[in-house]
N, C-alpha and C. Protein backbone atom coordinates (compact mmCIF):
# COMPACT_ATOMS: atom_id res chain seq x y z
N MET A 1 -20.58 57.42 -26.12
CA MET A 1 -19.63 57.02 -25.09
C MET A 1 -19.82 57.93 -23.87
N PRO A 2 -19.92 57.35 -22.65
CA PRO A 2 -20.13 58.18 -21.45
C PRO A 2 -18.89 59.03 -21.16
N GLU A 3 -19.17 60.21 -20.61
CA GLU A 3 -18.08 61.12 -20.25
C GLU A 3 -17.44 60.64 -18.96
N ILE A 4 -16.13 60.63 -18.93
CA ILE A 4 -15.40 60.20 -17.74
C ILE A 4 -14.91 61.45 -17.02
N THR A 5 -15.22 61.53 -15.75
CA THR A 5 -14.81 62.66 -14.95
C THR A 5 -13.68 62.21 -14.02
N VAL A 6 -12.57 62.87 -14.10
CA VAL A 6 -11.44 62.57 -13.23
C VAL A 6 -11.39 63.66 -12.17
N GLN A 7 -11.48 63.22 -10.93
CA GLN A 7 -11.46 64.19 -9.84
C GLN A 7 -10.08 64.15 -9.19
N THR A 8 -9.45 65.28 -9.08
CA THR A 8 -8.14 65.35 -8.46
C THR A 8 -8.29 65.36 -6.94
N GLU A 9 -7.18 65.15 -6.29
CA GLU A 9 -7.18 65.21 -4.82
C GLU A 9 -7.66 66.58 -4.34
N GLN A 10 -7.21 67.63 -5.01
CA GLN A 10 -7.63 68.98 -4.61
C GLN A 10 -9.12 69.19 -4.84
N SER A 11 -9.65 68.72 -5.95
CA SER A 11 -11.09 68.93 -6.19
C SER A 11 -11.93 68.13 -5.21
N ARG A 12 -11.49 66.94 -4.82
CA ARG A 12 -12.21 66.17 -3.79
C ARG A 12 -12.17 66.91 -2.46
N TYR A 13 -11.01 67.46 -2.13
CA TYR A 13 -10.85 68.22 -0.89
C TYR A 13 -11.82 69.41 -0.89
N LEU A 14 -11.81 70.18 -1.99
CA LEU A 14 -12.67 71.36 -2.07
C LEU A 14 -14.14 70.98 -2.01
N ASP A 15 -14.53 69.94 -2.75
CA ASP A 15 -15.93 69.50 -2.72
C ASP A 15 -16.35 69.10 -1.31
N THR A 16 -15.51 68.31 -0.65
CA THR A 16 -15.84 67.84 0.70
C THR A 16 -15.92 69.01 1.67
N LEU A 17 -14.92 69.88 1.64
CA LEU A 17 -14.90 71.02 2.57
C LEU A 17 -16.10 71.93 2.34
N LEU A 18 -16.37 72.27 1.10
CA LEU A 18 -17.48 73.19 0.83
C LEU A 18 -18.83 72.55 1.15
N ASN A 19 -18.97 71.25 0.92
CA ASN A 19 -20.22 70.57 1.30
C ASN A 19 -20.41 70.56 2.81
N LEU A 20 -19.32 70.34 3.56
CA LEU A 20 -19.41 70.40 5.02
C LEU A 20 -19.85 71.78 5.47
N TYR A 21 -19.21 72.80 4.91
CA TYR A 21 -19.50 74.19 5.27
C TYR A 21 -20.94 74.57 4.93
N LEU A 22 -21.35 74.28 3.72
CA LEU A 22 -22.70 74.67 3.28
C LEU A 22 -23.80 73.85 3.94
N GLY A 23 -23.44 72.70 4.49
CA GLY A 23 -24.42 71.85 5.17
C GLY A 23 -24.70 72.26 6.60
N LEU A 24 -23.96 73.22 7.10
CA LEU A 24 -24.14 73.67 8.48
C LEU A 24 -25.32 74.63 8.59
N PRO A 25 -25.93 74.69 9.78
CA PRO A 25 -26.97 75.69 9.99
C PRO A 25 -26.37 77.10 9.90
N GLU A 26 -27.16 78.03 9.44
CA GLU A 26 -26.80 79.44 9.41
C GLU A 26 -25.68 79.79 8.44
N THR A 27 -25.41 78.91 7.47
CA THR A 27 -24.41 79.21 6.44
C THR A 27 -25.13 79.45 5.11
N PRO A 28 -24.44 80.05 4.14
CA PRO A 28 -25.09 80.34 2.85
C PRO A 28 -25.50 79.06 2.11
N TYR A 29 -26.32 79.24 1.08
CA TYR A 29 -26.74 78.11 0.25
C TYR A 29 -25.70 77.73 -0.78
N GLN A 30 -24.81 78.68 -1.11
CA GLN A 30 -23.75 78.36 -2.05
C GLN A 30 -22.48 79.10 -1.64
N ALA A 31 -21.35 78.53 -2.05
CA ALA A 31 -20.06 79.12 -1.71
C ALA A 31 -19.80 80.34 -2.59
N SER A 32 -19.20 81.34 -1.99
CA SER A 32 -18.82 82.54 -2.74
C SER A 32 -17.43 82.30 -3.34
N PRO A 33 -17.04 83.13 -4.29
CA PRO A 33 -15.67 83.02 -4.82
C PRO A 33 -14.60 83.12 -3.73
N SER A 34 -14.83 83.98 -2.73
CA SER A 34 -13.84 84.08 -1.64
C SER A 34 -13.81 82.81 -0.78
N ASP A 35 -14.96 82.15 -0.61
CA ASP A 35 -14.99 80.87 0.11
C ASP A 35 -14.15 79.83 -0.64
N ILE A 36 -14.29 79.81 -1.95
CA ILE A 36 -13.55 78.84 -2.77
C ILE A 36 -12.06 79.14 -2.72
N ARG A 37 -11.69 80.42 -2.79
CA ARG A 37 -10.26 80.80 -2.68
C ARG A 37 -9.70 80.38 -1.32
N LEU A 38 -10.49 80.61 -0.25
CA LEU A 38 -10.02 80.24 1.08
C LEU A 38 -9.87 78.72 1.18
N ALA A 39 -10.82 77.96 0.64
CA ALA A 39 -10.72 76.50 0.67
C ALA A 39 -9.47 76.05 -0.09
N CYS A 40 -9.18 76.68 -1.21
CA CYS A 40 -7.95 76.36 -1.96
C CYS A 40 -6.71 76.65 -1.11
N GLY A 41 -6.75 77.78 -0.40
CA GLY A 41 -5.63 78.13 0.47
C GLY A 41 -5.44 77.14 1.60
N LEU A 42 -6.54 76.65 2.17
CA LEU A 42 -6.44 75.63 3.23
C LEU A 42 -5.83 74.35 2.68
N TYR A 43 -6.22 73.99 1.46
CA TYR A 43 -5.64 72.80 0.81
C TYR A 43 -4.14 73.01 0.61
N GLN A 44 -3.76 74.16 0.09
CA GLN A 44 -2.34 74.44 -0.17
C GLN A 44 -1.52 74.48 1.12
N ARG A 45 -2.15 74.89 2.21
CA ARG A 45 -1.47 74.91 3.51
C ARG A 45 -1.48 73.52 4.17
N ARG A 46 -2.10 72.58 3.50
CA ARG A 46 -2.19 71.19 3.97
C ARG A 46 -2.94 71.06 5.30
N ILE A 47 -3.97 71.87 5.47
CA ILE A 47 -4.86 71.74 6.62
C ILE A 47 -5.78 70.56 6.30
N THR A 48 -5.76 69.54 7.14
CA THR A 48 -6.52 68.33 6.83
C THR A 48 -8.02 68.58 6.89
N LEU A 49 -8.74 67.77 6.14
CA LEU A 49 -10.21 67.84 6.20
C LEU A 49 -10.71 67.52 7.60
N GLU A 50 -10.02 66.65 8.30
CA GLU A 50 -10.41 66.31 9.66
C GLU A 50 -10.33 67.53 10.58
N THR A 51 -9.27 68.32 10.40
CA THR A 51 -9.11 69.54 11.19
C THR A 51 -10.20 70.54 10.84
N VAL A 52 -10.44 70.72 9.55
CA VAL A 52 -11.47 71.68 9.13
C VAL A 52 -12.84 71.23 9.62
N GLU A 53 -13.16 69.95 9.48
CA GLU A 53 -14.47 69.47 9.93
C GLU A 53 -14.62 69.68 11.44
N ALA A 54 -13.59 69.35 12.21
CA ALA A 54 -13.65 69.54 13.66
C ALA A 54 -13.91 71.01 13.99
N ALA A 55 -13.25 71.91 13.28
CA ALA A 55 -13.44 73.35 13.53
C ALA A 55 -14.85 73.80 13.16
N LEU A 56 -15.35 73.33 12.02
CA LEU A 56 -16.71 73.69 11.61
C LEU A 56 -17.73 73.20 12.63
N LEU A 57 -17.54 71.97 13.08
CA LEU A 57 -18.47 71.41 14.07
C LEU A 57 -18.41 72.18 15.38
N LEU A 58 -17.20 72.42 15.86
CA LEU A 58 -17.04 73.11 17.15
C LEU A 58 -17.63 74.51 17.10
N ALA A 59 -17.30 75.26 16.07
CA ALA A 59 -17.82 76.63 15.96
C ALA A 59 -19.34 76.64 15.85
N SER A 60 -19.88 75.71 15.09
CA SER A 60 -21.34 75.66 14.93
C SER A 60 -22.04 75.30 16.23
N VAL A 61 -21.52 74.32 16.93
CA VAL A 61 -22.13 73.92 18.20
C VAL A 61 -22.02 75.06 19.21
N ARG A 62 -20.90 75.74 19.22
CA ARG A 62 -20.75 76.89 20.12
C ARG A 62 -21.82 77.95 19.83
N ARG A 63 -22.02 78.26 18.55
CA ARG A 63 -23.05 79.25 18.16
C ARG A 63 -24.43 78.81 18.59
N LEU A 64 -24.74 77.55 18.32
CA LEU A 64 -26.09 77.05 18.57
C LEU A 64 -26.36 76.86 20.07
N SER A 65 -25.28 76.75 20.85
CA SER A 65 -25.43 76.54 22.30
C SER A 65 -25.39 77.85 23.08
N ARG A 66 -25.34 78.94 22.38
CA ARG A 66 -25.31 80.26 23.01
C ARG A 66 -26.53 80.49 23.86
N ASP A 67 -26.36 81.29 24.88
CA ASP A 67 -27.47 81.65 25.77
C ASP A 67 -28.60 82.26 24.92
N PRO A 68 -29.79 81.66 24.95
CA PRO A 68 -30.89 82.16 24.13
C PRO A 68 -31.39 83.54 24.54
N SER A 69 -31.01 84.01 25.73
CA SER A 69 -31.45 85.34 26.14
C SER A 69 -30.60 86.44 25.49
N LEU A 70 -29.48 86.06 24.89
CA LEU A 70 -28.64 87.03 24.18
C LEU A 70 -29.25 87.34 22.82
N PRO A 71 -28.95 88.50 22.27
CA PRO A 71 -29.46 88.82 20.93
C PRO A 71 -28.94 87.79 19.91
N PRO A 72 -29.75 87.45 18.91
CA PRO A 72 -29.30 86.47 17.93
C PRO A 72 -28.11 86.98 17.11
N LEU A 73 -27.26 86.05 16.73
CA LEU A 73 -26.12 86.39 15.89
C LEU A 73 -26.58 86.45 14.43
N PRO A 74 -25.93 87.26 13.62
CA PRO A 74 -26.29 87.27 12.19
C PRO A 74 -25.85 85.95 11.55
N PRO A 75 -26.44 85.60 10.42
CA PRO A 75 -26.03 84.37 9.74
C PRO A 75 -24.54 84.42 9.35
N ILE A 76 -23.96 83.27 9.21
CA ILE A 76 -22.56 83.18 8.76
C ILE A 76 -22.54 83.46 7.26
N ARG A 77 -21.72 84.38 6.85
CA ARG A 77 -21.69 84.78 5.43
C ARG A 77 -20.45 84.30 4.71
N SER A 78 -19.47 83.76 5.46
CA SER A 78 -18.20 83.42 4.83
C SER A 78 -17.51 82.30 5.58
N LEU A 79 -16.77 81.51 4.84
CA LEU A 79 -15.94 80.47 5.44
C LEU A 79 -14.88 81.08 6.35
N ASN A 80 -14.55 82.34 6.10
CA ASN A 80 -13.57 83.06 6.94
C ASN A 80 -13.98 83.07 8.42
N TYR A 81 -15.27 83.00 8.67
CA TYR A 81 -15.78 82.98 10.05
C TYR A 81 -15.09 81.89 10.87
N PHE A 82 -14.76 80.78 10.21
CA PHE A 82 -14.23 79.61 10.91
C PHE A 82 -12.71 79.61 11.06
N LEU A 83 -12.01 80.56 10.45
CA LEU A 83 -10.54 80.56 10.50
C LEU A 83 -9.96 80.54 11.91
N PRO A 84 -10.46 81.35 12.85
CA PRO A 84 -9.88 81.29 14.19
C PRO A 84 -10.03 79.90 14.84
N VAL A 85 -11.14 79.24 14.57
CA VAL A 85 -11.34 77.91 15.17
C VAL A 85 -10.49 76.88 14.44
N ILE A 86 -10.28 77.04 13.14
CA ILE A 86 -9.36 76.15 12.42
C ILE A 86 -7.97 76.26 13.02
N SER A 87 -7.53 77.48 13.32
CA SER A 87 -6.22 77.68 13.97
C SER A 87 -6.20 77.04 15.35
N GLU A 88 -7.29 77.22 16.08
CA GLU A 88 -7.39 76.63 17.43
C GLU A 88 -7.26 75.11 17.37
N ILE A 89 -7.98 74.49 16.44
CA ILE A 89 -7.97 73.02 16.32
C ILE A 89 -6.63 72.54 15.78
N SER A 90 -6.00 73.31 14.90
CA SER A 90 -4.68 72.94 14.39
C SER A 90 -3.67 72.87 15.52
N ALA A 91 -3.77 73.81 16.46
CA ALA A 91 -2.84 73.85 17.60
C ALA A 91 -3.20 72.82 18.67
N ASN A 92 -4.50 72.54 18.83
CA ASN A 92 -4.97 71.62 19.87
C ASN A 92 -6.05 70.70 19.29
N PRO A 93 -5.62 69.63 18.60
CA PRO A 93 -6.61 68.75 17.96
C PRO A 93 -7.60 68.17 18.97
N LEU A 94 -8.83 67.96 18.48
CA LEU A 94 -9.87 67.35 19.31
C LEU A 94 -9.80 65.84 19.21
N SER A 95 -10.25 65.17 20.24
CA SER A 95 -10.28 63.70 20.20
C SER A 95 -11.43 63.24 19.30
N GLU A 96 -11.31 62.04 18.78
CA GLU A 96 -12.37 61.47 17.95
C GLU A 96 -13.68 61.37 18.73
N VAL A 97 -13.59 61.06 20.01
CA VAL A 97 -14.78 60.95 20.85
C VAL A 97 -15.50 62.30 20.92
N TYR A 98 -14.74 63.37 21.09
CA TYR A 98 -15.35 64.70 21.17
C TYR A 98 -15.94 65.13 19.83
N ILE A 99 -15.27 64.79 18.74
CA ILE A 99 -15.80 65.10 17.41
C ILE A 99 -17.11 64.35 17.19
N HIS A 100 -17.18 63.11 17.61
CA HIS A 100 -18.41 62.33 17.51
C HIS A 100 -19.53 63.02 18.31
N TYR A 101 -19.19 63.49 19.51
CA TYR A 101 -20.16 64.20 20.35
C TYR A 101 -20.65 65.47 19.64
N LEU A 102 -19.74 66.23 19.02
CA LEU A 102 -20.13 67.45 18.30
C LEU A 102 -21.06 67.13 17.14
N ARG A 103 -20.77 66.05 16.40
CA ARG A 103 -21.66 65.64 15.31
C ARG A 103 -23.05 65.33 15.86
N TYR A 104 -23.09 64.61 16.98
CA TYR A 104 -24.37 64.27 17.61
C TYR A 104 -25.13 65.53 18.02
N LYS A 105 -24.45 66.48 18.62
CA LYS A 105 -25.10 67.73 19.05
C LYS A 105 -25.66 68.48 17.85
N LEU A 106 -24.91 68.55 16.79
CA LEU A 106 -25.36 69.25 15.59
C LEU A 106 -26.54 68.54 14.95
N GLU A 107 -26.49 67.21 14.90
CA GLU A 107 -27.62 66.44 14.36
C GLU A 107 -28.85 66.61 15.24
N SER A 108 -28.67 66.65 16.55
CA SER A 108 -29.80 66.86 17.46
C SER A 108 -30.43 68.22 17.24
N TYR A 109 -29.61 69.22 17.01
CA TYR A 109 -30.13 70.56 16.73
C TYR A 109 -30.94 70.54 15.44
N GLY A 110 -30.41 69.89 14.41
CA GLY A 110 -31.12 69.80 13.14
C GLY A 110 -32.44 69.07 13.27
N ALA A 111 -32.47 68.00 14.05
CA ALA A 111 -33.70 67.25 14.26
C ALA A 111 -34.74 68.09 15.02
N ARG A 112 -34.30 68.85 16.00
CA ARG A 112 -35.20 69.72 16.76
C ARG A 112 -35.82 70.77 15.84
N ASN A 113 -35.00 71.34 14.98
CA ASN A 113 -35.51 72.37 14.06
C ASN A 113 -36.50 71.78 13.06
N ARG A 114 -36.23 70.58 12.55
CA ARG A 114 -37.16 69.94 11.61
C ARG A 114 -38.49 69.62 12.31
N ASP A 115 -38.41 69.16 13.56
CA ASP A 115 -39.61 68.79 14.30
C ASP A 115 -40.45 70.01 14.65
N SER A 116 -39.81 71.18 14.82
CA SER A 116 -40.56 72.39 15.23
C SER A 116 -41.22 73.08 14.04
N LYS A 117 -40.92 72.66 12.82
CA LYS A 117 -41.51 73.30 11.63
C LYS A 117 -42.82 72.67 11.24
């Protein structure tokens, strides 16, 4: 008999959030225990996935759009890096049009990096 997996709302939230985070450029390959605790805390605080995704996109595009003449930033080591932007987006939500633009910018960056390898 096949095993049935029941996914709770919280586990779907955590899976989605951590996949978004780990799929970004300059983030770790796997979530740390502190990343998982923070994701649980965001769920408990009822921070929507839409807000978290908007913050992840905005912060990533800001990093990638930095002046190339500046010294490079170290890789992102923790989901905590995004907390200030999550607060910013919670207070001032982005429009769907702008979120679409951020997704496009991030995808364009990814395509450029794949093409240059």
